[in-house]
């Protein structure tokens, strides 16, 4: 996907994970919001939908706040034809070391 689409999908994943954390992990949400720092956000590249689904499932199993983003009804050839497609996974807020076993397989977006 192009950089604009990637940015939007990353934004959805950050927001969705944070909103989910507010309900499922209120202590992590409160710590993230009340310190006034906002925490770090990192965009990592996945080579396939399989990698995204694996990361999401591992985050769920580890009890980390997370969200999966499914884009649909958006046409942007050649990759988006309007069909539902997993585009991003958001993990956190959490400590870097808590998600490292998942994130170490990915490279930073460049």
PDB file of N, CA and C in Angstrom:
ATOM      1  N   UNK A   1       0.846  -1.176   0.000  1.00  0.00           N
ATOM      2  CA  UNK A   1       0.000   0.000   0.000  1.00  0.00           C
ATOM      3  C   UNK A   1       0.887   1.234   0.000  1.00  0.00           C
ATOM      4  N   UNK A   2       0.362   2.322  -0.499  1.00  0.00           N
ATOM      5  CA  UNK A   2       1.172   3.544  -0.545  1.00  0.00           C
ATOM      6  C   UNK A   2       1.277   4.160   0.852  1.00  0.00           C
ATOM      7  N   UNK A   3       2.130   5.144   0.992  1.00  0.00           N
ATOM      8  CA  UNK A   3       2.444   5.716   2.299  1.00  0.00           C
ATOM      9  C   UNK A   3       1.225   6.361   2.969  1.00  0.00           C
ATOM     10  N   UNK A   4       0.346   6.973   2.179  1.00  0.00           N
ATOM     11  CA  UNK A   4      -0.859   7.572   2.751  1.00  0.00           C
ATOM     12  C   UNK A   4      -1.784   6.515   3.339  1.00  0.00           C
ATOM     13  N   UNK A   5      -1.995   5.446   2.588  1.00  0.00           N
ATOM     14  CA  UNK A   5      -2.844   4.351   3.059  1.00  0.00           C
ATOM     15  C   UNK A   5      -2.217   3.692   4.285  1.00  0.00           C
ATOM     16  N   UNK A   6      -0.913   3.479   4.238  1.00  0.00           N
ATOM     17  CA  UNK A   6      -0.212   2.877   5.366  1.00  0.00           C
ATOM     18  C   UNK A   6      -0.361   3.735   6.617  1.00  0.00           C
ATOM     19  N   UNK A   7      -0.209   5.033   6.469  1.00  0.00           N
ATOM     20  CA  UNK A   7      -0.344   5.946   7.607  1.00  0.00           C
ATOM     21  C   UNK A   7      -1.739   5.870   8.207  1.00  0.00           C
ATOM     22  N   UNK A   8      -2.745   5.828   7.373  1.00  0.00           N
ATOM     23  CA  UNK A   8      -4.125   5.749   7.860  1.00  0.00           C
ATOM     24  C   UNK A   8      -4.368   4.441   8.602  1.00  0.00           C
ATOM     25  N   UNK A   9      -3.878   3.332   8.054  1.00  0.00           N
ATOM     26  CA  UNK A   9      -4.085   2.036   8.687  1.00  0.00           C
ATOM     27  C   UNK A   9      -3.333   1.950  10.019  1.00  0.00           C
ATOM     28  N   UNK A  10      -2.129   2.502  10.078  1.00  0.00           N
ATOM     29  CA  UNK A  10      -1.375   2.540  11.335  1.00  0.00           C
ATOM     30  C   UNK A  10      -2.138   3.377  12.365  1.00  0.00           C
ATOM     31  N   UNK A  11      -2.689   4.496  11.932  1.00  0.00           N
ATOM     32  CA  UNK A  11      -3.484   5.334  12.836  1.00  0.00           C
ATOM     33  C   UNK A  11      -4.683   4.588  13.383  1.00  0.00           C
ATOM     34  N   UNK A  12      -5.360   3.832  12.525  1.00  0.00           N
ATOM     35  CA  UNK A  12      -6.494   3.019  12.986  1.00  0.00           C
ATOM     36  C   UNK A  12      -6.030   2.004  14.031  1.00  0.00           C
ATOM     37  N   UNK A  13      -4.881   1.377  13.779  1.00  0.00           N
ATOM     38  CA  UNK A  13      -4.423   0.343  14.716  1.00  0.00           C
ATOM     39  C   UNK A  13      -4.041   0.946  16.061  1.00  0.00           C
ATOM     40  N   UNK A  14      -3.384   2.107  16.060  1.00  0.00           N
ATOM     41  CA  UNK A  14      -3.035   2.767  17.323  1.00  0.00           C
ATOM     42  C   UNK A  14      -4.305   3.112  18.100  1.00  0.00           C
ATOM     43  N   UNK A  15      -5.239   3.760  17.418  1.00  0.00           N
ATOM     44  CA  UNK A  15      -6.473   4.213  18.061  1.00  0.00           C
ATOM     45  C   UNK A  15      -7.312   3.048  18.558  1.00  0.00           C
ATOM     46  N   UNK A  16      -7.481   2.041  17.711  1.00  0.00           N
ATOM     47  CA  UNK A  16      -8.310   0.895  18.094  1.00  0.00           C
ATOM     48  C   UNK A  16      -7.715   0.140  19.276  1.00  0.00           C
ATOM     49  N   UNK A  17      -6.385  -0.047  19.272  1.00  0.00           N
ATOM     50  CA  UNK A  17      -5.749  -0.744  20.393  1.00  0.00           C
ATOM     51  C   UNK A  17      -5.917   0.060  21.683  1.00  0.00           C
ATOM     52  N   UNK A  18      -5.751   1.367  21.604  1.00  0.00           N
ATOM     53  CA  UNK A  18      -5.905   2.208  22.790  1.00  0.00           C
ATOM     54  C   UNK A  18      -7.341   2.183  23.307  1.00  0.00           C
ATOM     55  N   UNK A  19      -8.300   2.276  22.406  1.00  0.00           N
ATOM     56  CA  UNK A  19      -9.716   2.209  22.810  1.00  0.00           C
ATOM     57  C   UNK A  19     -10.044   0.856  23.432  1.00  0.00           C
ATOM     58  N   UNK A  20      -9.516  -0.215  22.856  1.00  0.00           N
ATOM     59  CA  UNK A  20      -9.735  -1.542  23.432  1.00  0.00           C
ATOM     60  C   UNK A  20      -9.101  -1.638  24.816  1.00  0.00           C
ATOM     61  N   UNK A  21      -7.911  -1.061  24.968  1.00  0.00           N
ATOM     62  CA  UNK A  21      -7.224  -1.099  26.256  1.00  0.00           C
ATOM     63  C   UNK A  21      -8.012  -0.366  27.331  1.00  0.00           C
ATOM     64  N   UNK A  22      -8.715   0.671  26.951  1.00  0.00           N
ATOM     65  CA  UNK A  22      -9.509   1.418  27.927  1.00  0.00           C
ATOM     66  C   UNK A  22     -10.525   0.492  28.602  1.00  0.00           C
ATOM     67  N   UNK A  23     -11.060  -0.456  27.846  1.00  0.00           N
ATOM     68  CA  UNK A  23     -12.039  -1.403  28.384  1.00  0.00           C
ATOM     69  C   UNK A  23     -11.383  -2.647  28.986  1.00  0.00           C
ATOM     70  N   UNK A  24     -10.420  -3.221  28.262  1.00  0.00           N
ATOM     71  CA  UNK A  24      -9.866  -4.512  28.657  1.00  0.00           C
ATOM     72  C   UNK A  24      -8.658  -4.425  29.588  1.00  0.00           C
ATOM     73  N   UNK A  25      -7.922  -3.321  29.539  1.00  0.00           N
ATOM     74  CA  UNK A  25      -6.717  -3.141  30.349  1.00  0.00           C
ATOM     75  C   UNK A  25      -6.696  -1.711  30.907  1.00  0.00           C
ATOM     76  N   UNK A  26      -7.666  -1.365  31.745  1.00  0.00           N
ATOM     77  CA  UNK A  26      -7.773   0.027  32.205  1.00  0.00           C
ATOM     78  C   UNK A  26      -6.519   0.542  32.905  1.00  0.00           C
ATOM     79  N   UNK A  27      -5.790  -0.335  33.587  1.00  0.00           N
ATOM     80  CA  UNK A  27      -4.579   0.109  34.269  1.00  0.00           C
ATOM     81  C   UNK A  27      -3.505   0.529  33.254  1.00  0.00           C
ATOM     82  N   UNK A  28      -3.368  -0.196  32.164  1.00  0.00           N
ATOM     83  CA  UNK A  28      -2.409   0.171  31.118  1.00  0.00           C
ATOM     84  C   UNK A  28      -2.856   1.457  30.421  1.00  0.00           C
ATOM     85  N   UNK A  29      -4.145   1.570  30.170  1.00  0.00           N
ATOM     86  CA  UNK A  29      -4.697   2.779  29.545  1.00  0.00           C
ATOM     87  C   UNK A  29      -4.449   3.995  30.443  1.00  0.00           C
ATOM     88  N   UNK A  30      -4.778   3.871  31.720  1.00  0.00           N
ATOM     89  CA  UNK A  30      -4.611   4.993  32.645  1.00  0.00           C
ATOM     90  C   UNK A  30      -3.148   5.403  32.763  1.00  0.00           C
ATOM     91  N   UNK A  31      -2.263   4.431  32.852  1.00  0.00           N
ATOM     92  CA  UNK A  31      -0.829   4.740  32.943  1.00  0.00           C
ATOM     93  C   UNK A  31      -0.358   5.471  31.693  1.00  0.00           C
ATOM     94  N   UNK A  32      -0.826   5.041  30.547  1.00  0.00           N
ATOM     95  CA  UNK A  32      -0.441   5.658  29.276  1.00  0.00           C
ATOM     96  C   UNK A  32      -0.974   7.087  29.182  1.00  0.00           C
ATOM     97  N   UNK A  33      -2.207   7.298  29.588  1.00  0.00           N
ATOM     98  CA  UNK A  33      -2.843   8.605  29.446  1.00  0.00           C
ATOM     99  C   UNK A  33      -2.476   9.587  30.555  1.00  0.00           C
ATOM    100  N   UNK A  34      -2.226   9.122  31.760  1.00  0.00           N
ATOM    101  CA  UNK A  34      -2.030  10.052  32.869  1.00  0.00           C
ATOM    102  C   UNK A  34      -0.590  10.514  33.048  1.00  0.00           C
ATOM    103  N   UNK A  35       0.346   9.837  32.480  1.00  0.00           N
ATOM    104  CA  UNK A  35       1.735  10.263  32.621  1.00  0.00           C
ATOM    105  C   UNK A  35       2.053  11.469  31.744  1.00  0.00           C
ATOM    106  N   UNK A  36       1.175  11.764  30.786  1.00  0.00           N
ATOM    107  CA  UNK A  36       1.385  12.910  29.922  1.00  0.00           C
ATOM    108  C   UNK A  36       2.449  12.707  28.873  1.00  0.00           C
ATOM    109  N   UNK A  37       2.966  11.510  28.775  1.00  0.00           N
ATOM    110  CA  UNK A  37       4.030  11.242  27.811  1.00  0.00           C
ATOM    111  C   UNK A  37       3.499  10.633  26.516  1.00  0.00           C
ATOM    112  N   UNK A  38       2.402   9.941  26.590  1.00  0.00           N
ATOM    113  CA  UNK A  38       1.832   9.325  25.395  1.00  0.00           C
ATOM    114  C   UNK A  38       2.509   8.048  24.974  1.00  0.00           C
ATOM    115  N   UNK A  39       3.718   7.812  25.388  1.00  0.00           N
ATOM    116  CA  UNK A  39       4.414   6.584  25.014  1.00  0.00           C
ATOM    117  C   UNK A  39       4.932   6.627  23.597  1.00  0.00           C
ATOM    118  N   UNK A  40       5.676   5.614  23.242  1.00  0.00           N
ATOM    119  CA  UNK A  40       6.232   5.501  21.884  1.00  0.00           C
ATOM    120  C   UNK A  40       5.277   4.740  20.994  1.00  0.00           C
ATOM    121  N   UNK A  41       5.301   5.086  19.745  1.00  0.00           N
ATOM    122  CA  UNK A  41       4.541   4.357  18.730  1.00  0.00           C
ATOM    123  C   UNK A  41       5.525   3.973  17.634  1.00  0.00           C
ATOM    124  N   UNK A  42       5.470   2.728  17.199  1.00  0.00           N
ATOM    125  CA  UNK A  42       6.386   2.229  16.182  1.00  0.00           C
ATOM    126  C   UNK A  42       5.563   1.550  15.100  1.00  0.00           C
ATOM    127  N   UNK A  43       5.851   1.855  13.851  1.00  0.00           N
ATOM    128  CA  UNK A  43       5.198   1.185  12.725  1.00  0.00           C
ATOM    129  C   UNK A  43       6.167   0.168  12.149  1.00  0.00           C
ATOM    130  N   UNK A  44       5.731  -1.086  12.159  1.00  0.00           N
ATOM    131  CA  UNK A  44       6.549  -2.183  11.668  1.00  0.00           C
ATOM    132  C   UNK A  44       5.908  -2.791  10.433  1.00  0.00           C
ATOM    133  N   UNK A  45       6.727  -3.384   9.585  1.00  0.00           N
ATOM    134  CA  UNK A  45       6.279  -3.931   8.309  1.00  0.00           C
ATOM    135  C   UNK A  45       6.070  -5.434   8.411  1.00  0.00           C
ATOM    136  N   UNK A  46       4.912  -5.904   7.961  1.00  0.00           N
ATOM    137  CA  UNK A  46       4.624  -7.337   7.872  1.00  0.00           C
ATOM    138  C   UNK A  46       4.598  -7.732   6.399  1.00  0.00           C
ATOM    139  N   UNK A  47       5.168  -8.866   6.102  1.00  0.00           N
ATOM    140  CA  UNK A  47       5.237  -9.336   4.712  1.00  0.00           C
ATOM    141  C   UNK A  47       3.948  -9.999   4.242  1.00  0.00           C
ATOM    142  N   UNK A  48       3.076 -10.385   5.187  1.00  0.00           N
ATOM    143  CA  UNK A  48       1.880 -11.124   4.781  1.00  0.00           C
ATOM    144  C   UNK A  48       0.762 -10.981   5.807  1.00  0.00           C
ATOM    145  N   UNK A  49      -0.417 -11.317   5.388  1.00  0.00           N
ATOM    146  CA  UNK A  49      -1.563 -11.357   6.297  1.00  0.00           C
ATOM    147  C   UNK A  49      -1.316 -12.382   7.392  1.00  0.00           C
ATOM    148  N   UNK A  50      -0.681 -13.486   7.022  1.00  0.00           N
ATOM    149  CA  UNK A  50      -0.367 -14.527   8.004  1.00  0.00           C
ATOM    150  C   UNK A  50       0.458 -13.951   9.159  1.00  0.00           C
ATOM    151  N   UNK A  51       1.452 -13.129   8.856  1.00  0.00           N
ATOM    152  CA  UNK A  51       2.274 -12.523   9.905  1.00  0.00           C
ATOM    153  C   UNK A  51       1.437 -11.619  10.817  1.00  0.00           C
ATOM    154  N   UNK A  52       0.530 -10.851  10.207  1.00  0.00           N
ATOM    155  CA  UNK A  52      -0.339  -9.980  11.008  1.00  0.00           C
ATOM    156  C   UNK A  52      -1.237 -10.791  11.933  1.00  0.00           C
ATOM    157  N   UNK A  53      -1.839 -11.838  11.406  1.00  0.00           N
ATOM    158  CA  UNK A  53      -2.725 -12.674  12.207  1.00  0.00           C
ATOM    159  C   UNK A  53      -1.961 -13.384  13.324  1.00  0.00           C
ATOM    160  N   UNK A  54      -0.750 -13.837  13.022  1.00  0.00           N
ATOM    161  CA  UNK A  54       0.073 -14.480  14.042  1.00  0.00           C
ATOM    162  C   UNK A  54       0.400 -13.494  15.169  1.00  0.00           C
ATOM    163  N   UNK A  55       0.795 -12.281  14.808  1.00  0.00           N
ATOM    164  CA  UNK A  55       1.114 -11.265  15.810  1.00  0.00           C
ATOM    165  C   UNK A  55      -0.103 -10.959  16.673  1.00  0.00           C
ATOM    166  N   UNK A  56      -1.248 -10.801  16.041  1.00  0.00           N
ATOM    167  CA  UNK A  56      -2.480 -10.513  16.772  1.00  0.00           C
ATOM    168  C   UNK A  56      -2.825 -11.646  17.745  1.00  0.00           C
ATOM    169  N   UNK A  57      -2.773 -12.876  17.256  1.00  0.00           N
ATOM    170  CA  UNK A  57      -3.102 -14.023  18.105  1.00  0.00           C
ATOM    171  C   UNK A  57      -2.113 -14.183  19.255  1.00  0.00           C
ATOM    172  N   UNK A  58      -0.836 -13.928  19.000  1.00  0.00           N
ATOM    173  CA  UNK A  58       0.155 -14.010  20.072  1.00  0.00           C
ATOM    174  C   UNK A  58      -0.071 -12.919  21.116  1.00  0.00           C
ATOM    175  N   UNK A  59      -0.445 -11.731  20.671  1.00  0.00           N
ATOM    176  CA  UNK A  59      -0.740 -10.652  21.611  1.00  0.00           C
ATOM    177  C   UNK A  59      -1.955 -11.010  22.468  1.00  0.00           C
ATOM    178  N   UNK A  60      -2.977 -11.561  21.843  1.00  0.00           N
ATOM    179  CA  UNK A  60      -4.161 -11.999  22.596  1.00  0.00           C
ATOM    180  C   UNK A  60      -3.784 -13.050  23.636  1.00  0.00           C
ATOM    181  N   UNK A  61      -3.027 -14.061  23.207  1.00  0.00           N
ATOM    182  CA  UNK A  61      -2.627 -15.140  24.102  1.00  0.00           C
ATOM    183  C   UNK A  61      -1.782 -14.629  25.269  1.00  0.00           C
ATOM    184  N   UNK A  62      -0.990 -13.594  25.019  1.00  0.00           N
ATOM    185  CA  UNK A  62      -0.133 -13.032  26.060  1.00  0.00           C
ATOM    186  C   UNK A  62      -0.892 -12.062  26.971  1.00  0.00           C
ATOM    187  N   UNK A  63      -2.147 -11.791  26.633  1.00  0.00           N
ATOM    188  CA  UNK A  63      -2.946 -10.876  27.444  1.00  0.00           C
ATOM    189  C   UNK A  63      -2.600  -9.415  27.234  1.00  0.00           C
ATOM    190  N   UNK A  64      -2.040  -9.092  26.071  1.00  0.00           N
ATOM    191  CA  UNK A  64      -1.696  -7.702  25.758  1.00  0.00           C
ATOM    192  C   UNK A  64      -2.885  -6.997  25.117  1.00  0.00           C
ATOM    193  N   UNK A  65      -3.061  -5.706  25.374  1.00  0.00           N
ATOM    194  CA  UNK A  65      -4.104  -4.967  24.659  1.00  0.00           C
ATOM    195  C   UNK A  65      -3.758  -4.975  23.170  1.00  0.00           C
ATOM    196  N   UNK A  66      -4.744  -5.222  22.338  1.00  0.00           N
ATOM    197  CA  UNK A  66      -4.460  -5.269  20.901  1.00  0.00           C
ATOM    198  C   UNK A  66      -5.737  -5.084  20.094  1.00  0.00           C
ATOM    199  N   UNK A  67      -5.537  -4.835  18.810  1.00  0.00           N
ATOM    200  CA  UNK A  67      -6.661  -4.668  17.886  1.00  0.00           C
ATOM    201  C   UNK A  67      -6.198  -5.081  16.497  1.00  0.00           C
ATOM    202  N   UNK A  68      -7.120  -5.566  15.717  1.00  0.00           N
ATOM    203  CA  UNK A  68      -6.834  -5.915  14.326  1.00  0.00           C
ATOM    204  C   UNK A  68      -7.673  -4.996  13.439  1.00  0.00           C
ATOM    205  N   UNK A  69      -7.080  -4.525  12.353  1.00  0.00           N
ATOM    206  CA  UNK A  69      -7.757  -3.606  11.442  1.00  0.00           C
ATOM    207  C   UNK A  69      -8.076  -4.345  10.151  1.00  0.00           C
ATOM    208  N   UNK A  70      -9.345  -4.325   9.774  1.00  0.00           N
ATOM    209  CA  UNK A  70      -9.790  -4.933   8.518  1.00  0.00           C
ATOM    210  C   UNK A  70     -10.363  -3.823   7.649  1.00  0.00           C
ATOM    211  N   UNK A  71      -9.705  -3.561   6.541  1.00  0.00           N
ATOM    212  CA  UNK A  71     -10.171  -2.542   5.603  1.00  0.00           C
ATOM    213  C   UNK A  71     -11.177  -3.200   4.664  1.00  0.00           C
ATOM    214  N   UNK A  72     -12.229  -2.479   4.345  1.00  0.00           N
ATOM    215  CA  UNK A  72     -13.207  -3.002   3.383  1.00  0.00           C
ATOM    216  C   UNK A  72     -13.912  -1.850   2.688  1.00  0.00           C
ATOM    217  N   UNK A  73     -14.482  -2.147   1.562  1.00  0.00           N
ATOM    218  CA  UNK A  73     -15.210  -1.175   0.754  1.00  0.00           C
ATOM    219  C   UNK A  73     -14.324  -0.047   0.243  1.00  0.00           C
ATOM    220  N   UNK A  74     -13.029  -0.292   0.191  1.00  0.00           N
ATOM    221  CA  UNK A  74     -12.097   0.720  -0.307  1.00  0.00           C
ATOM    222  C   UNK A  74     -11.414   0.156  -1.542  1.00  0.00           C
ATOM    223  N   UNK A  75     -11.470   0.900  -2.634  1.00  0.00           N
ATOM    224  CA  UNK A  75     -10.858   0.442  -3.881  1.00  0.00           C
ATOM    225  C   UNK A  75      -9.611   1.265  -4.157  1.00  0.00           C
ATOM    226  N   UNK A  76      -8.481   0.569  -4.215  1.00  0.00           N
ATOM    227  CA  UNK A  76      -7.203   1.196  -4.515  1.00  0.00           C
ATOM    228  C   UNK A  76      -6.335   0.131  -5.204  1.00  0.00           C
ATOM    229  N   UNK A  77      -6.518  -0.039  -6.530  1.00  0.00           N
ATOM    230  CA  UNK A  77      -5.769  -1.069  -7.252  1.00  0.00           C
ATOM    231  C   UNK A  77      -4.262  -0.868  -7.097  1.00  0.00           C
ATOM    232  N   UNK A  78      -3.479  -1.908  -7.084  1.00  0.00           N
ATOM    233  CA  UNK A  78      -3.855  -3.298  -7.339  1.00  0.00           C
ATOM    234  C   UNK A  78      -4.170  -4.101  -6.080  1.00  0.00           C
ATOM    235  N   UNK A  79      -3.999  -3.531  -4.887  1.00  0.00           N
ATOM    236  CA  UNK A  79      -4.105  -4.325  -3.670  1.00  0.00           C
ATOM    237  C   UNK A  79      -5.478  -4.300  -3.009  1.00  0.00           C
ATOM    238  N   UNK A  80      -6.256  -3.264  -3.244  1.00  0.00           N
ATOM    239  CA  UNK A  80      -7.542  -3.133  -2.579  1.00  0.00           C
ATOM    240  C   UNK A  80      -8.658  -3.075  -3.617  1.00  0.00           C
ATOM    241  N   UNK A  81      -9.513  -4.102  -3.607  1.00  0.00           N
ATOM    242  CA  UNK A  81     -10.618  -4.175  -4.571  1.00  0.00           C
ATOM    243  C   UNK A  81     -11.976  -4.018  -3.893  1.00  0.00           C
ATOM    244  N   UNK A  82     -11.965  -3.596  -2.647  1.00  0.00           N
ATOM    245  CA  UNK A  82     -13.204  -3.430  -1.896  1.00  0.00           C
ATOM    246  C   UNK A  82     -13.514  -4.601  -0.986  1.00  0.00           C
ATOM    247  N   UNK A  83     -12.833  -5.719  -1.191  1.00  0.00           N
ATOM    248  CA  UNK A  83     -13.032  -6.890  -0.331  1.00  0.00           C
ATOM    249  C   UNK A  83     -12.366  -6.657   1.017  1.00  0.00           C
ATOM    250  N   UNK A  84     -12.875  -7.287   2.065  1.00  0.00           N
ATOM    251  CA  UNK A  84     -12.233  -7.149   3.375  1.00  0.00           C
ATOM    252  C   UNK A  84     -10.799  -7.686   3.334  1.00  0.00           C
ATOM    253  N   UNK A  85      -9.878  -6.931   3.911  1.00  0.00           N
ATOM    254  CA  UNK A  85      -8.478  -7.349   3.970  1.00  0.00           C
ATOM    255  C   UNK A  85      -7.871  -6.840   5.282  1.00  0.00           C
ATOM    256  N   UNK A  86      -7.142  -7.717   5.951  1.00  0.00           N
ATOM    257  CA  UNK A  86      -6.437  -7.329   7.176  1.00  0.00           C
ATOM    258  C   UNK A  86      -5.275  -6.425   6.775  1.00  0.00           C
ATOM    259  N   UNK A  87      -5.228  -5.224   7.350  1.00  0.00           N
ATOM    260  CA  UNK A  87      -4.186  -4.268   6.969  1.00  0.00           C
ATOM    261  C   UNK A  87      -3.231  -3.915   8.097  1.00  0.00           C
ATOM    262  N   UNK A  88      -3.637  -4.115   9.349  1.00  0.00           N
ATOM    263  CA  UNK A  88      -2.777  -3.689  10.453  1.00  0.00           C
ATOM    264  C   UNK A  88      -3.188  -4.374  11.748  1.00  0.00           C
ATOM    265  N   UNK A  89      -2.241  -4.399  12.666  1.00  0.00           N
ATOM    266  CA  UNK A  89      -2.473  -4.875  14.024  1.00  0.00           C
ATOM    267  C   UNK A  89      -1.875  -3.847  14.968  1.00  0.00           C
ATOM    268  N   UNK A  90      -2.623  -3.462  15.965  1.00  0.00           N
ATOM    269  CA  UNK A  90      -2.119  -2.569  16.997  1.00  0.00           C
ATOM    270  C   UNK A  90      -1.922  -3.353  18.284  1.00  0.00           C
ATOM    271  N   UNK A  91      -0.789  -3.154  18.923  1.00  0.00           N
ATOM    272  CA  UNK A  91      -0.495  -3.813  20.201  1.00  0.00           C
ATOM    273  C   UNK A  91      -0.124  -2.732  21.208  1.00  0.00           C
ATOM    274  N   UNK A  92      -0.791  -2.749  22.345  1.00  0.00           N
ATOM    275  CA  UNK A  92      -0.459  -1.796  23.390  1.00  0.00           C
ATOM    276  C   UNK A  92      -1.661  -0.965  23.791  1.00  0.00           C
ATOM    277  N   UNK A  93      -1.459  -0.116  24.772  1.00  0.00           N
ATOM    278  CA  UNK A  93      -0.183   0.254  25.362  1.00  0.00           C
ATOM    279  C   UNK A  93       0.382  -0.870  26.236  1.00  0.00           C
ATOM    280  N   UNK A  94       1.683  -1.028  26.132  1.00  0.00           N
ATOM    281  CA  UNK A  94       2.395  -2.006  26.936  1.00  0.00           C
ATOM    282  C   UNK A  94       3.870  -1.625  26.953  1.00  0.00           C
ATOM    283  N   UNK A  95       4.613  -2.287  27.789  1.00  0.00           N
ATOM    284  CA  UNK A  95       6.050  -2.056  27.814  1.00  0.00           C
ATOM    285  C   UNK A  95       6.707  -2.769  26.640  1.00  0.00           C
ATOM    286  N   UNK A  96       7.750  -2.170  26.129  1.00  0.00           N
ATOM    287  CA  UNK A  96       8.467  -2.725  24.978  1.00  0.00           C
ATOM    288  C   UNK A  96       8.810  -4.200  25.199  1.00  0.00           C
ATOM    289  N   UNK A  97       9.317  -4.512  26.384  1.00  0.00           N
ATOM    290  CA  UNK A  97       9.744  -5.885  26.642  1.00  0.00           C
ATOM    291  C   UNK A  97       8.574  -6.863  26.676  1.00  0.00           C
ATOM    292  N   UNK A  98       7.374  -6.381  26.941  1.00  0.00           N
ATOM    293  CA  UNK A  98       6.212  -7.263  26.981  1.00  0.00           C
ATOM    294  C   UNK A  98       5.789  -7.738  25.589  1.00  0.00           C
ATOM    295  N   UNK A  99       6.083  -6.951  24.566  1.00  0.00           N
ATOM    296  CA  UNK A  99       5.697  -7.306  23.196  1.00  0.00           C
ATOM    297  C   UNK A  99       6.888  -7.711  22.331  1.00  0.00           C
ATOM    298  N   UNK A 100       8.086  -7.626  22.875  1.00  0.00           N
ATOM    299  CA  UNK A 100       9.296  -7.884  22.087  1.00  0.00           C
ATOM    300  C   UNK A 100       9.298  -9.261  21.443  1.00  0.00           C
ATOM    301  N   UNK A 101       8.765 -10.266  22.111  1.00  0.00           N
ATOM    302  CA  UNK A 101       8.746 -11.609  21.537  1.00  0.00           C
ATOM    303  C   UNK A 101       7.911 -11.658  20.242  1.00  0.00           C
ATOM    304  N   UNK A 102       7.031 -10.703  20.066  1.00  0.00           N
ATOM    305  CA  UNK A 102       6.229 -10.603  18.836  1.00  0.00           C
ATOM    306  C   UNK A 102       6.908  -9.673  17.841  1.00  0.00           C
ATOM    307  N   UNK A 103       7.277  -8.498  18.285  1.00  0.00           N
ATOM    308  CA  UNK A 103       7.766  -7.449  17.375  1.00  0.00           C
ATOM    309  C   UNK A 103       9.155  -7.702  16.814  1.00  0.00           C
ATOM    310  N   UNK A 104       9.939  -8.554  17.443  1.00  0.00           N
ATOM    311  CA  UNK A 104      11.311  -8.794  16.988  1.00  0.00           C
ATOM    312  C   UNK A 104      11.373  -9.394  15.575  1.00  0.00           C
ATOM    313  N   UNK A 105      10.288  -9.956  15.086  1.00  0.00           N
ATOM    314  CA  UNK A 105      10.274 -10.554  13.747  1.00  0.00           C
ATOM    315  C   UNK A 105      10.031  -9.534  12.631  1.00  0.00           C
ATOM    316  N   UNK A 106       9.735  -8.298  13.005  1.00  0.00           N
ATOM    317  CA  UNK A 106       9.367  -7.273  12.027  1.00  0.00           C
ATOM    318  C   UNK A 106      10.434  -6.204  11.923  1.00  0.00           C
ATOM    319  N   UNK A 107      10.464  -5.528  10.782  1.00  0.00           N
ATOM    320  CA  UNK A 107      11.366  -4.398  10.568  1.00  0.00           C
ATOM    321  C   UNK A 107      10.565  -3.098  10.582  1.00  0.00           C
ATOM    322  N   UNK A 108      11.235  -2.008  10.911  1.00  0.00           N
ATOM    323  CA  UNK A 108      10.591  -0.702  10.884  1.00  0.00           C
ATOM    324  C   UNK A 108      10.191  -0.339   9.462  1.00  0.00           C
ATOM    325  N   UNK A 109       9.068   0.346   9.326  1.00  0.00           N
ATOM    326  CA  UNK A 109       8.631   0.866   8.029  1.00  0.00           C
ATOM    327  C   UNK A 109       9.612   1.949   7.618  1.00  0.00           C
ATOM    328  N   UNK A 110      10.011   1.928   6.356  1.00  0.00           N
ATOM    329  CA  UNK A 110      10.905   2.982   5.865  1.00  0.00           C
ATOM    330  C   UNK A 110      10.450   3.499   4.529  1.00  0.00           C
TER     331      UNK A 110
END
